[in-house]
Amino acid sequence: MPPQSLQSRDVHLSVPARPDYLVLARLALSAMCRLTPLEHAEVADLKLAITEAASGYVTGDGDPEAAIDFEFRLHDDRLEMTLDGKPVDHPAEEQEVSRAIVEATVDEFELELEGRHTVLVKRFAA
């Protein structure tokens, strides 16, 4: 029997909180989505959602200590995407646009612990 970690349908990824590293989260999400019944357009929407959600943690100054932790959890009926990091203060208009994009592309969206924890959920069609 393989070790428990090989049986898991979870992916954990920690990257520096810089825009050029978000592509790694998008790639991990794309790979995870291959195990789901999601259509190509839905996967593209999720990649946009994860990028917009992560933008709230992306630093402009390249702080080497800042990181974003991603967790993708595959369940039988849904994909849960969790982001953890230190929120960055962006203009209110930018935050509103990002939030609108995320809400339009996922089924559930939560910000917890004063914005340090973001949860996105995409449910699979029955």
C-alpha atoms as a PDB file:
ATOM      1  CA  MET A   1       0.000   0.000   0.000  1.00  0.00           C
ATOM      2  CA  PRO A   2       1.454   3.432  -0.928  1.00  0.00           C
ATOM      3  CA  PRO A   3       2.274   5.941   1.826  1.00  0.00           C
ATOM      4  CA  GLN A   4      -0.656   8.105   2.955  1.00  0.00           C
ATOM      5  CA  SER A   5       0.766  11.195   1.224  1.00  0.00           C
ATOM      6  CA  LEU A   6       0.552   9.439  -2.147  1.00  0.00           C
ATOM      7  CA  GLN A   7      -3.105   8.578  -1.583  1.00  0.00           C
ATOM      8  CA  SER A   8      -4.081  12.166  -0.821  1.00  0.00           C
ATOM      9  CA  ARG A   9      -5.911  14.316  -3.328  1.00  0.00           C
ATOM     10  CA  ASP A  10      -4.522  17.491  -1.755  1.00  0.00           C
ATOM     11  CA  VAL A  11      -1.818  19.769  -3.102  1.00  0.00           C
ATOM     12  CA  HIS A  12       0.078  22.236  -0.917  1.00  0.00           C
ATOM     13  CA  LEU A  13       2.256  24.951  -2.403  1.00  0.00           C
ATOM     14  CA  SER A  14       4.063  27.908  -0.864  1.00  0.00           C
ATOM     15  CA  VAL A  15       5.499  30.607  -3.126  1.00  0.00           C
ATOM     16  CA  PRO A  16       7.002  34.057  -2.637  1.00  0.00           C
ATOM     17  CA  ALA A  17       4.291  36.741  -2.649  1.00  0.00           C
ATOM     18  CA  ARG A  18       5.363  38.128  -6.006  1.00  0.00           C
ATOM     19  CA  PRO A  19       3.339  38.220  -9.242  1.00  0.00           C
ATOM     20  CA  ASP A  20       5.811  36.133 -11.241  1.00  0.00           C
ATOM     21  CA  TYR A  21       5.336  33.165  -8.875  1.00  0.00           C
ATOM     22  CA  LEU A  22       1.551  32.995  -9.265  1.00  0.00           C
ATOM     23  CA  VAL A  23       2.020  30.995 -12.451  1.00  0.00           C
ATOM     24  CA  LEU A  24       3.131  28.074 -10.245  1.00  0.00           C
ATOM     25  CA  ALA A  25      -0.185  28.127  -8.384  1.00  0.00           C
ATOM     26  CA  ARG A  26      -2.056  28.288 -11.687  1.00  0.00           C
ATOM     27  CA  LEU A  27      -0.100  25.272 -12.980  1.00  0.00           C
ATOM     28  CA  ALA A  28      -0.794  23.281  -9.815  1.00  0.00           C
ATOM     29  CA  LEU A  29      -4.473  24.154 -10.080  1.00  0.00           C
ATOM     30  CA  SER A  30      -4.560  23.119 -13.745  1.00  0.00           C
ATOM     31  CA  ALA A  31      -3.007  19.769 -12.891  1.00  0.00           C
ATOM     32  CA  MET A  32      -5.507  19.214 -10.083  1.00  0.00           C
ATOM     33  CA  CYS A  33      -8.409  20.102 -12.400  1.00  0.00           C
ATOM     34  CA  ARG A  34      -7.429  17.245 -14.735  1.00  0.00           C
ATOM     35  CA  LEU A  35      -8.814  14.943 -12.048  1.00  0.00           C
ATOM     36  CA  THR A  36     -12.214  16.680 -12.096  1.00  0.00           C
ATOM     37  CA  PRO A  37     -15.197  16.762 -14.445  1.00  0.00           C
ATOM     38  CA  LEU A  38     -14.718  20.508 -15.010  1.00  0.00           C
ATOM     39  CA  GLU A  39     -14.868  21.837 -18.550  1.00  0.00           C
ATOM     40  CA  HIS A  40     -11.981  23.769 -20.091  1.00  0.00           C
ATOM     41  CA  ALA A  41     -13.795  27.115 -19.664  1.00  0.00           C
ATOM     42  CA  GLU A  42     -14.443  26.371 -15.976  1.00  0.00           C
ATOM     43  CA  VAL A  43     -10.759  25.597 -15.422  1.00  0.00           C
ATOM     44  CA  ALA A  44      -9.812  28.875 -17.129  1.00  0.00           C
ATOM     45  CA  ASP A  45     -12.242  30.683 -14.814  1.00  0.00           C
ATOM     46  CA  LEU A  46     -10.683  29.025 -11.758  1.00  0.00           C
ATOM     47  CA  LYS A  47      -7.189  30.027 -12.854  1.00  0.00           C
ATOM     48  CA  LEU A  48      -8.424  33.612 -13.135  1.00  0.00           C
ATOM     49  CA  ALA A  49     -10.121  33.346  -9.722  1.00  0.00           C
ATOM     50  CA  ILE A  50      -6.995  32.032  -8.000  1.00  0.00           C
ATOM     51  CA  THR A  51      -4.898  34.795  -9.562  1.00  0.00           C
ATOM     52  CA  GLU A  52      -7.339  37.495  -8.455  1.00  0.00           C
ATOM     53  CA  ALA A  53      -7.657  36.027  -4.961  1.00  0.00           C
ATOM     54  CA  ALA A  54      -3.866  35.858  -4.656  1.00  0.00           C
ATOM     55  CA  SER A  55      -3.492  39.476  -5.762  1.00  0.00           C
ATOM     56  CA  GLY A  56      -4.570  40.495  -2.258  1.00  0.00           C
ATOM     57  CA  TYR A  57      -1.346  38.944  -0.920  1.00  0.00           C
ATOM     58  CA  VAL A  58       1.083  40.034  -3.633  1.00  0.00           C
ATOM     59  CA  THR A  59       3.666  42.540  -2.501  1.00  0.00           C
ATOM     60  CA  GLY A  60       4.902  45.299  -4.737  1.00  0.00           C
ATOM     61  CA  ASP A  61       8.198  45.697  -2.917  1.00  0.00           C
ATOM     62  CA  GLY A  62       9.433  42.130  -3.372  1.00  0.00           C
ATOM     63  CA  ASP A  63       9.613  41.425   0.378  1.00  0.00           C
ATOM     64  CA  PRO A  64      11.684  38.209   0.463  1.00  0.00           C
ATOM     65  CA  GLU A  65       9.909  37.047   3.637  1.00  0.00           C
ATOM     66  CA  ALA A  66       6.366  37.365   2.252  1.00  0.00           C
ATOM     67  CA  ALA A  67       4.777  34.157   0.968  1.00  0.00           C
ATOM     68  CA  ILE A  68       1.429  32.829  -0.166  1.00  0.00           C
ATOM     69  CA  ASP A  69       0.403  29.336   0.866  1.00  0.00           C
ATOM     70  CA  PHE A  70      -1.996  27.551  -1.479  1.00  0.00           C
ATOM     71  CA  GLU A  71      -3.916  24.391  -0.706  1.00  0.00           C
ATOM     72  CA  PHE A  72      -6.027  22.624  -3.300  1.00  0.00           C
ATOM     73  CA  ARG A  73      -8.307  19.891  -1.895  1.00  0.00           C
ATOM     74  CA  LEU A  74     -10.198  17.615  -4.223  1.00  0.00           C
ATOM     75  CA  HIS A  75     -13.445  16.132  -2.887  1.00  0.00           C
ATOM     76  CA  ASP A  76     -15.958  13.972  -4.738  1.00  0.00           C
ATOM     77  CA  ASP A  77     -18.329  16.897  -5.265  1.00  0.00           C
ATOM     78  CA  ARG A  78     -16.098  19.990  -5.170  1.00  0.00           C
ATOM     79  CA  LEU A  79     -12.653  21.534  -5.367  1.00  0.00           C
ATOM     80  CA  GLU A  80     -11.624  23.701  -2.412  1.00  0.00           C
ATOM     81  CA  MET A  81      -8.854  26.242  -2.865  1.00  0.00           C
ATOM     82  CA  THR A  82      -7.383  27.921   0.203  1.00  0.00           C
ATOM     83  CA  LEU A  83      -4.899  30.789   0.273  1.00  0.00           C
ATOM     84  CA  ASP A  84      -3.045  32.027   3.338  1.00  0.00           C
ATOM     85  CA  GLY A  85      -0.738  34.983   3.577  1.00  0.00           C
ATOM     86  CA  LYS A  86      -0.273  38.502   4.803  1.00  0.00           C
ATOM     87  CA  PRO A  87      -2.819  40.809   3.147  1.00  0.00           C
ATOM     88  CA  VAL A  88      -1.431  43.731   1.198  1.00  0.00           C
ATOM     89  CA  ASP A  89      -3.245  47.048   1.108  1.00  0.00           C
ATOM     90  CA  HIS A  90      -4.345  47.750  -2.470  1.00  0.00           C
ATOM     91  CA  PRO A  91      -6.629  50.558  -3.706  1.00  0.00           C
ATOM     92  CA  ALA A  92     -10.300  49.905  -2.870  1.00  0.00           C
ATOM     93  CA  GLU A  93     -11.320  49.923  -6.540  1.00  0.00           C
ATOM     94  CA  GLU A  94      -8.756  47.242  -7.348  1.00  0.00           C
ATOM     95  CA  GLN A  95      -9.959  45.112  -4.438  1.00  0.00           C
ATOM     96  CA  GLU A  96     -13.591  45.471  -5.544  1.00  0.00           C
ATOM     97  CA  VAL A  97     -12.802  44.368  -9.101  1.00  0.00           C
ATOM     98  CA  SER A  98     -10.803  41.352  -7.865  1.00  0.00           C
ATOM     99  CA  ARG A  99     -13.601  40.357  -5.496  1.00  0.00           C
ATOM    100  CA  ALA A 100     -16.224  40.655  -8.258  1.00  0.00           C
ATOM    101  CA  ILE A 101     -14.160  38.451 -10.575  1.00  0.00           C
ATOM    102  CA  VAL A 102     -13.678  35.807  -7.892  1.00  0.00           C
ATOM    103  CA  GLU A 103     -17.353  35.800  -6.919  1.00  0.00           C
ATOM    104  CA  ALA A 104     -18.360  35.419 -10.577  1.00  0.00           C
ATOM    105  CA  THR A 105     -16.124  32.405 -11.144  1.00  0.00           C
ATOM    106  CA  VAL A 106     -16.552  30.242  -8.019  1.00  0.00           C
ATOM    107  CA  ASP A 107     -19.528  28.897  -6.098  1.00  0.00           C
ATOM    108  CA  GLU A 108     -18.343  29.986  -2.643  1.00  0.00           C
ATOM    109  CA  PHE A 109     -15.906  32.687  -1.553  1.00  0.00           C
ATOM    110  CA  GLU A 110     -14.866  33.544   2.008  1.00  0.00           C
ATOM    111  CA  LEU A 111     -12.328  35.867   3.564  1.00  0.00           C
ATOM    112  CA  GLU A 112     -11.442  34.937   7.136  1.00  0.00           C
ATOM    113  CA  LEU A 113      -9.190  36.187   9.905  1.00  0.00           C
ATOM    114  CA  GLU A 114      -9.058  39.773   8.642  1.00  0.00           C
ATOM    115  CA  GLY A 115      -8.169  38.716   5.109  1.00  0.00           C
ATOM    116  CA  ARG A 116      -5.289  36.387   5.993  1.00  0.00           C
ATOM    117  CA  HIS A 117      -7.219  33.293   4.892  1.00  0.00           C
ATOM    118  CA  THR A 118      -9.217  32.996   1.660  1.00  0.00           C
ATOM    119  CA  VAL A 119     -11.371  30.024   0.700  1.00  0.00           C
ATOM    120  CA  LEU A 120     -12.752  29.409  -2.799  1.00  0.00           C
ATOM    121  CA  VAL A 121     -15.032  26.489  -3.641  1.00  0.00           C
ATOM    122  CA  LYS A 122     -16.049  25.167  -7.043  1.00  0.00           C
ATOM    123  CA  ARG A 123     -18.780  22.530  -7.003  1.00  0.00           C
ATOM    124  CA  PHE A 124     -19.053  19.856  -9.683  1.00  0.00           C
ATOM    125  CA  ALA A 125     -22.289  19.443 -11.604  1.00  0.00           C
ATOM    126  CA  ALA A 126     -24.364  16.461 -10.485  1.00  0.00           C
END
